[in-house]
Amino acid sequence: RQKVERVGNLNYPEAAKGKLYGNLLLYVEIRADGSLERVEVQRSSGHRILDEAAMRIVRMSAPYGNFSAELKRQTDIVAFARTWVFTRADRLTSE
């Protein structure tokens, strides 16, 4: 989460600055080696620019950390959904 927020704030979409705000729900799958398996919008922000920027930011943030040995014994892929917020302060945060 922190890595995506950091990358997102460094790469906030220029076309949205001072104009577009909202939140969206992304579904993400990460492989045991930290590589990205899948990212898709599950609930749109209503702004294509923000939806595409969120997916691009998650892709740019890869690779993620390798799974611990214990987690690798339990699963090959971790899947989760997270709400990402493009704020009025032109910042990307998550809930």
N, C-alpha and C. Protein backbone atom coordinates (compact mmCIF):
# COMPACT_ATOMS: atom_id res chain seq x y z
N ARG A 1 0.82 -1.19 0.00
CA ARG A 1 0.00 0.00 0.00
C ARG A 1 0.86 1.25 0.00
N GLN A 2 1.84 1.29 0.87
CA GLN A 2 2.69 2.48 0.97
C GLN A 2 3.48 2.71 -0.32
N LYS A 3 3.98 1.63 -0.91
CA LYS A 3 4.74 1.76 -2.15
C LYS A 3 3.85 2.31 -3.26
N VAL A 4 2.64 1.81 -3.38
CA VAL A 4 1.72 2.27 -4.42
C VAL A 4 1.37 3.74 -4.19
N GLU A 5 1.13 4.13 -2.94
CA GLU A 5 0.83 5.53 -2.65
C GLU A 5 2.01 6.43 -3.03
N ARG A 6 3.21 6.00 -2.69
CA ARG A 6 4.40 6.79 -3.00
C ARG A 6 4.56 6.94 -4.52
N VAL A 7 4.47 5.84 -5.25
CA VAL A 7 4.58 5.87 -6.71
C VAL A 7 3.43 6.69 -7.30
N GLY A 8 2.25 6.52 -6.75
CA GLY A 8 1.08 7.24 -7.24
C GLY A 8 1.19 8.73 -7.06
N ASN A 9 1.73 9.15 -5.95
CA ASN A 9 1.87 10.59 -5.71
C ASN A 9 2.98 11.20 -6.56
N LEU A 10 3.96 10.41 -6.91
CA LEU A 10 5.01 10.89 -7.82
C LEU A 10 4.52 10.92 -9.27
N ASN A 11 3.51 10.11 -9.57
CA ASN A 11 3.01 9.99 -10.94
C ASN A 11 1.52 10.30 -11.03
N TYR A 12 1.07 11.24 -10.21
CA TYR A 12 -0.34 11.63 -10.22
C TYR A 12 -0.70 12.11 -11.63
N PRO A 13 -1.84 11.71 -12.16
CA PRO A 13 -2.17 12.07 -13.55
C PRO A 13 -2.32 13.59 -13.74
N GLU A 14 -1.52 14.13 -14.62
CA GLU A 14 -1.52 15.58 -14.88
C GLU A 14 -2.91 16.06 -15.30
N ALA A 15 -3.59 15.27 -16.12
CA ALA A 15 -4.90 15.67 -16.63
C ALA A 15 -5.95 15.76 -15.52
N ALA A 16 -5.67 15.16 -14.36
CA ALA A 16 -6.63 15.17 -13.26
C ALA A 16 -6.35 16.26 -12.23
N LYS A 17 -5.12 16.76 -12.20
CA LYS A 17 -4.74 17.72 -11.16
C LYS A 17 -5.66 18.93 -11.15
N GLY A 18 -6.24 19.17 -9.97
CA GLY A 18 -7.11 20.32 -9.80
C GLY A 18 -8.46 20.20 -10.48
N LYS A 19 -8.75 19.04 -11.08
CA LYS A 19 -9.99 18.89 -11.86
C LYS A 19 -10.83 17.68 -11.46
N LEU A 20 -10.18 16.51 -11.34
CA LEU A 20 -10.91 15.27 -11.12
C LEU A 20 -10.54 14.65 -9.77
N TYR A 21 -11.55 14.18 -9.07
CA TYR A 21 -11.35 13.54 -7.78
C TYR A 21 -12.32 12.38 -7.68
N GLY A 22 -11.99 11.40 -6.88
CA GLY A 22 -12.91 10.29 -6.69
C GLY A 22 -12.19 9.06 -6.17
N ASN A 23 -12.96 8.00 -5.96
CA ASN A 23 -12.37 6.75 -5.50
C ASN A 23 -12.85 5.60 -6.36
N LEU A 24 -12.04 4.56 -6.37
CA LEU A 24 -12.36 3.38 -7.16
C LEU A 24 -11.86 2.15 -6.42
N LEU A 25 -12.42 1.02 -6.77
CA LEU A 25 -12.04 -0.25 -6.16
C LEU A 25 -11.26 -1.06 -7.19
N LEU A 26 -10.01 -1.39 -6.84
CA LEU A 26 -9.17 -2.21 -7.71
C LEU A 26 -9.04 -3.61 -7.13
N TYR A 27 -9.10 -4.59 -8.00
CA TYR A 27 -8.83 -5.98 -7.65
C TYR A 27 -7.41 -6.27 -8.14
N VAL A 28 -6.58 -6.81 -7.25
CA VAL A 28 -5.17 -7.05 -7.56
C VAL A 28 -4.79 -8.47 -7.17
N GLU A 29 -3.98 -9.11 -8.01
CA GLU A 29 -3.40 -10.43 -7.70
C GLU A 29 -1.88 -10.30 -7.82
N ILE A 30 -1.18 -10.78 -6.79
CA ILE A 30 0.28 -10.73 -6.76
C ILE A 30 0.82 -12.16 -6.59
N ARG A 31 1.79 -12.52 -7.44
CA ARG A 31 2.42 -13.85 -7.38
C ARG A 31 3.43 -13.92 -6.23
N ALA A 32 3.83 -15.12 -5.89
CA ALA A 32 4.76 -15.36 -4.78
C ALA A 32 6.10 -14.66 -4.98
N ASP A 33 6.52 -14.45 -6.23
CA ASP A 33 7.79 -13.78 -6.48
C ASP A 33 7.66 -12.25 -6.46
N GLY A 34 6.46 -11.75 -6.18
CA GLY A 34 6.22 -10.32 -6.10
C GLY A 34 5.76 -9.70 -7.40
N SER A 35 5.69 -10.49 -8.47
CA SER A 35 5.24 -9.95 -9.74
C SER A 35 3.71 -9.83 -9.76
N LEU A 36 3.24 -8.95 -10.59
CA LEU A 36 1.82 -8.68 -10.69
C LEU A 36 1.17 -9.69 -11.64
N GLU A 37 0.17 -10.37 -11.17
CA GLU A 37 -0.58 -11.34 -11.98
C GLU A 37 -1.72 -10.63 -12.70
N ARG A 38 -2.44 -9.75 -11.97
CA ARG A 38 -3.65 -9.16 -12.54
C ARG A 38 -4.03 -7.90 -11.78
N VAL A 39 -4.56 -6.93 -12.48
CA VAL A 39 -5.14 -5.73 -11.87
C VAL A 39 -6.33 -5.31 -12.73
N GLU A 40 -7.46 -5.05 -12.08
CA GLU A 40 -8.65 -4.61 -12.82
C GLU A 40 -9.52 -3.74 -11.93
N VAL A 41 -10.27 -2.88 -12.56
CA VAL A 41 -11.19 -2.01 -11.84
C VAL A 41 -12.46 -2.80 -11.53
N GLN A 42 -12.80 -2.87 -10.24
CA GLN A 42 -14.06 -3.53 -9.87
C GLN A 42 -15.19 -2.53 -9.70
N ARG A 43 -14.85 -1.32 -9.26
CA ARG A 43 -15.83 -0.24 -9.16
C ARG A 43 -15.16 1.04 -9.65
N SER A 44 -15.68 1.61 -10.70
CA SER A 44 -15.08 2.78 -11.33
C SER A 44 -15.26 4.04 -10.48
N SER A 45 -14.33 4.95 -10.67
CA SER A 45 -14.43 6.27 -10.05
C SER A 45 -15.42 7.15 -10.81
N GLY A 46 -15.79 6.71 -12.01
CA GLY A 46 -16.62 7.51 -12.88
C GLY A 46 -15.79 8.38 -13.82
N HIS A 47 -14.46 8.29 -13.67
CA HIS A 47 -13.54 9.05 -14.51
C HIS A 47 -12.52 8.09 -15.10
N ARG A 48 -12.58 7.92 -16.41
CA ARG A 48 -11.66 6.98 -17.07
C ARG A 48 -10.20 7.32 -16.78
N ILE A 49 -9.86 8.60 -16.74
CA ILE A 49 -8.48 9.02 -16.46
C ILE A 49 -8.01 8.48 -15.12
N LEU A 50 -8.86 8.58 -14.09
CA LEU A 50 -8.47 8.09 -12.76
C LEU A 50 -8.38 6.57 -12.72
N ASP A 51 -9.34 5.90 -13.34
CA ASP A 51 -9.33 4.43 -13.36
C ASP A 51 -8.07 3.91 -14.04
N GLU A 52 -7.74 4.46 -15.20
CA GLU A 52 -6.55 4.02 -15.93
C GLU A 52 -5.28 4.39 -15.17
N ALA A 53 -5.26 5.56 -14.54
CA ALA A 53 -4.08 5.97 -13.77
C ALA A 53 -3.85 5.03 -12.59
N ALA A 54 -4.91 4.63 -11.91
CA ALA A 54 -4.77 3.72 -10.77
C ALA A 54 -4.17 2.39 -11.21
N MET A 55 -4.65 1.84 -12.31
CA MET A 55 -4.10 0.56 -12.80
C MET A 55 -2.65 0.74 -13.23
N ARG A 56 -2.34 1.84 -13.90
CA ARG A 56 -0.96 2.11 -14.33
C ARG A 56 -0.04 2.24 -13.11
N ILE A 57 -0.49 2.90 -12.08
CA ILE A 57 0.32 3.10 -10.87
C ILE A 57 0.60 1.76 -10.19
N VAL A 58 -0.40 0.89 -10.11
CA VAL A 58 -0.19 -0.44 -9.51
C VAL A 58 0.82 -1.23 -10.35
N ARG A 59 0.72 -1.13 -11.67
CA ARG A 59 1.69 -1.83 -12.54
C ARG A 59 3.09 -1.25 -12.38
N MET A 60 3.19 0.08 -12.30
CA MET A 60 4.49 0.73 -12.14
C MET A 60 5.15 0.37 -10.81
N SER A 61 4.35 0.07 -9.81
CA SER A 61 4.85 -0.23 -8.47
C SER A 61 5.43 -1.64 -8.36
N ALA A 62 5.11 -2.50 -9.31
CA ALA A 62 5.64 -3.87 -9.31
C ALA A 62 7.12 -3.84 -9.65
N PRO A 63 7.89 -4.79 -9.20
CA PRO A 63 7.48 -5.93 -8.40
C PRO A 63 7.31 -5.56 -6.93
N TYR A 64 6.52 -6.36 -6.28
CA TYR A 64 6.29 -6.23 -4.85
C TYR A 64 7.19 -7.20 -4.13
N GLY A 65 7.16 -7.21 -2.83
CA GLY A 65 8.04 -8.11 -2.07
C GLY A 65 7.70 -9.57 -2.28
N ASN A 66 8.73 -10.41 -2.22
CA ASN A 66 8.53 -11.86 -2.28
C ASN A 66 7.73 -12.31 -1.06
N PHE A 67 6.95 -13.36 -1.23
CA PHE A 67 6.21 -13.92 -0.11
C PHE A 67 7.19 -14.55 0.88
N SER A 68 6.82 -14.56 2.13
CA SER A 68 7.59 -15.27 3.15
C SER A 68 7.49 -16.76 2.86
N ALA A 69 8.41 -17.54 3.41
CA ALA A 69 8.38 -19.00 3.21
C ALA A 69 7.06 -19.58 3.69
N GLU A 70 6.56 -19.08 4.79
CA GLU A 70 5.29 -19.58 5.33
C GLU A 70 4.13 -19.28 4.38
N LEU A 71 4.09 -18.08 3.86
CA LEU A 71 3.01 -17.72 2.94
C LEU A 71 3.12 -18.51 1.65
N LYS A 72 4.34 -18.74 1.16
CA LYS A 72 4.54 -19.55 -0.05
C LYS A 72 4.00 -20.96 0.12
N ARG A 73 4.09 -21.51 1.34
CA ARG A 73 3.55 -22.85 1.59
C ARG A 73 2.02 -22.85 1.54
N GLN A 74 1.42 -21.69 1.76
CA GLN A 74 -0.04 -21.60 1.82
C GLN A 74 -0.68 -21.25 0.48
N THR A 75 0.03 -20.46 -0.36
CA THR A 75 -0.60 -19.98 -1.59
C THR A 75 0.44 -19.55 -2.62
N ASP A 76 0.03 -19.55 -3.87
CA ASP A 76 0.89 -19.08 -4.97
C ASP A 76 0.60 -17.63 -5.33
N ILE A 77 -0.64 -17.20 -5.05
CA ILE A 77 -1.08 -15.85 -5.42
C ILE A 77 -1.91 -15.28 -4.27
N VAL A 78 -1.66 -14.02 -3.96
CA VAL A 78 -2.50 -13.29 -3.00
C VAL A 78 -3.38 -12.36 -3.80
N ALA A 79 -4.68 -12.41 -3.53
CA ALA A 79 -5.64 -11.56 -4.22
C ALA A 79 -6.34 -10.69 -3.19
N PHE A 80 -6.56 -9.43 -3.57
CA PHE A 80 -7.27 -8.52 -2.66
C PHE A 80 -7.89 -7.40 -3.46
N ALA A 81 -8.83 -6.74 -2.85
CA ALA A 81 -9.46 -5.56 -3.43
C ALA A 81 -9.21 -4.41 -2.47
N ARG A 82 -8.87 -3.24 -3.02
CA ARG A 82 -8.58 -2.07 -2.20
C ARG A 82 -9.19 -0.85 -2.87
N THR A 83 -9.70 0.05 -2.03
CA THR A 83 -10.23 1.31 -2.52
C THR A 83 -9.10 2.33 -2.57
N TRP A 84 -8.93 2.94 -3.75
CA TRP A 84 -7.93 3.99 -3.95
C TRP A 84 -8.65 5.31 -4.13
N VAL A 85 -8.12 6.34 -3.49
CA VAL A 85 -8.78 7.64 -3.49
C VAL A 85 -7.85 8.68 -4.11
N PHE A 86 -8.33 9.35 -5.15
CA PHE A 86 -7.65 10.51 -5.71
C PHE A 86 -8.30 11.71 -5.03
N THR A 87 -7.55 12.39 -4.16
CA THR A 87 -8.13 13.42 -3.29
C THR A 87 -8.12 14.81 -3.93
N ARG A 88 -8.84 15.72 -3.32
CA ARG A 88 -8.89 17.12 -3.77
C ARG A 88 -7.54 17.81 -3.61
N ALA A 89 -6.66 17.23 -2.79
CA ALA A 89 -5.31 17.77 -2.60
C ALA A 89 -4.34 17.18 -3.63
N ASP A 90 -4.87 16.53 -4.67
CA ASP A 90 -4.06 15.90 -5.71
C ASP A 90 -3.10 14.87 -5.12
N ARG A 91 -3.62 14.02 -4.25
CA ARG A 91 -2.86 12.96 -3.61
C ARG A 91 -3.59 11.64 -3.86
N LEU A 92 -2.84 10.54 -3.85
CA LEU A 92 -3.41 9.20 -3.96
C LEU A 92 -3.28 8.54 -2.59
N THR A 93 -4.37 8.08 -2.04
CA THR A 93 -4.37 7.36 -0.77
C THR A 93 -5.23 6.11 -0.92
N SER A 94 -5.17 5.25 0.08
CA SER A 94 -6.01 4.05 0.04
C SER A 94 -6.80 3.93 1.33
N GLU A 95 -7.88 3.18 1.22
CA GLU A 95 -8.74 2.93 2.39
C GLU A 95 -8.79 1.45 2.67
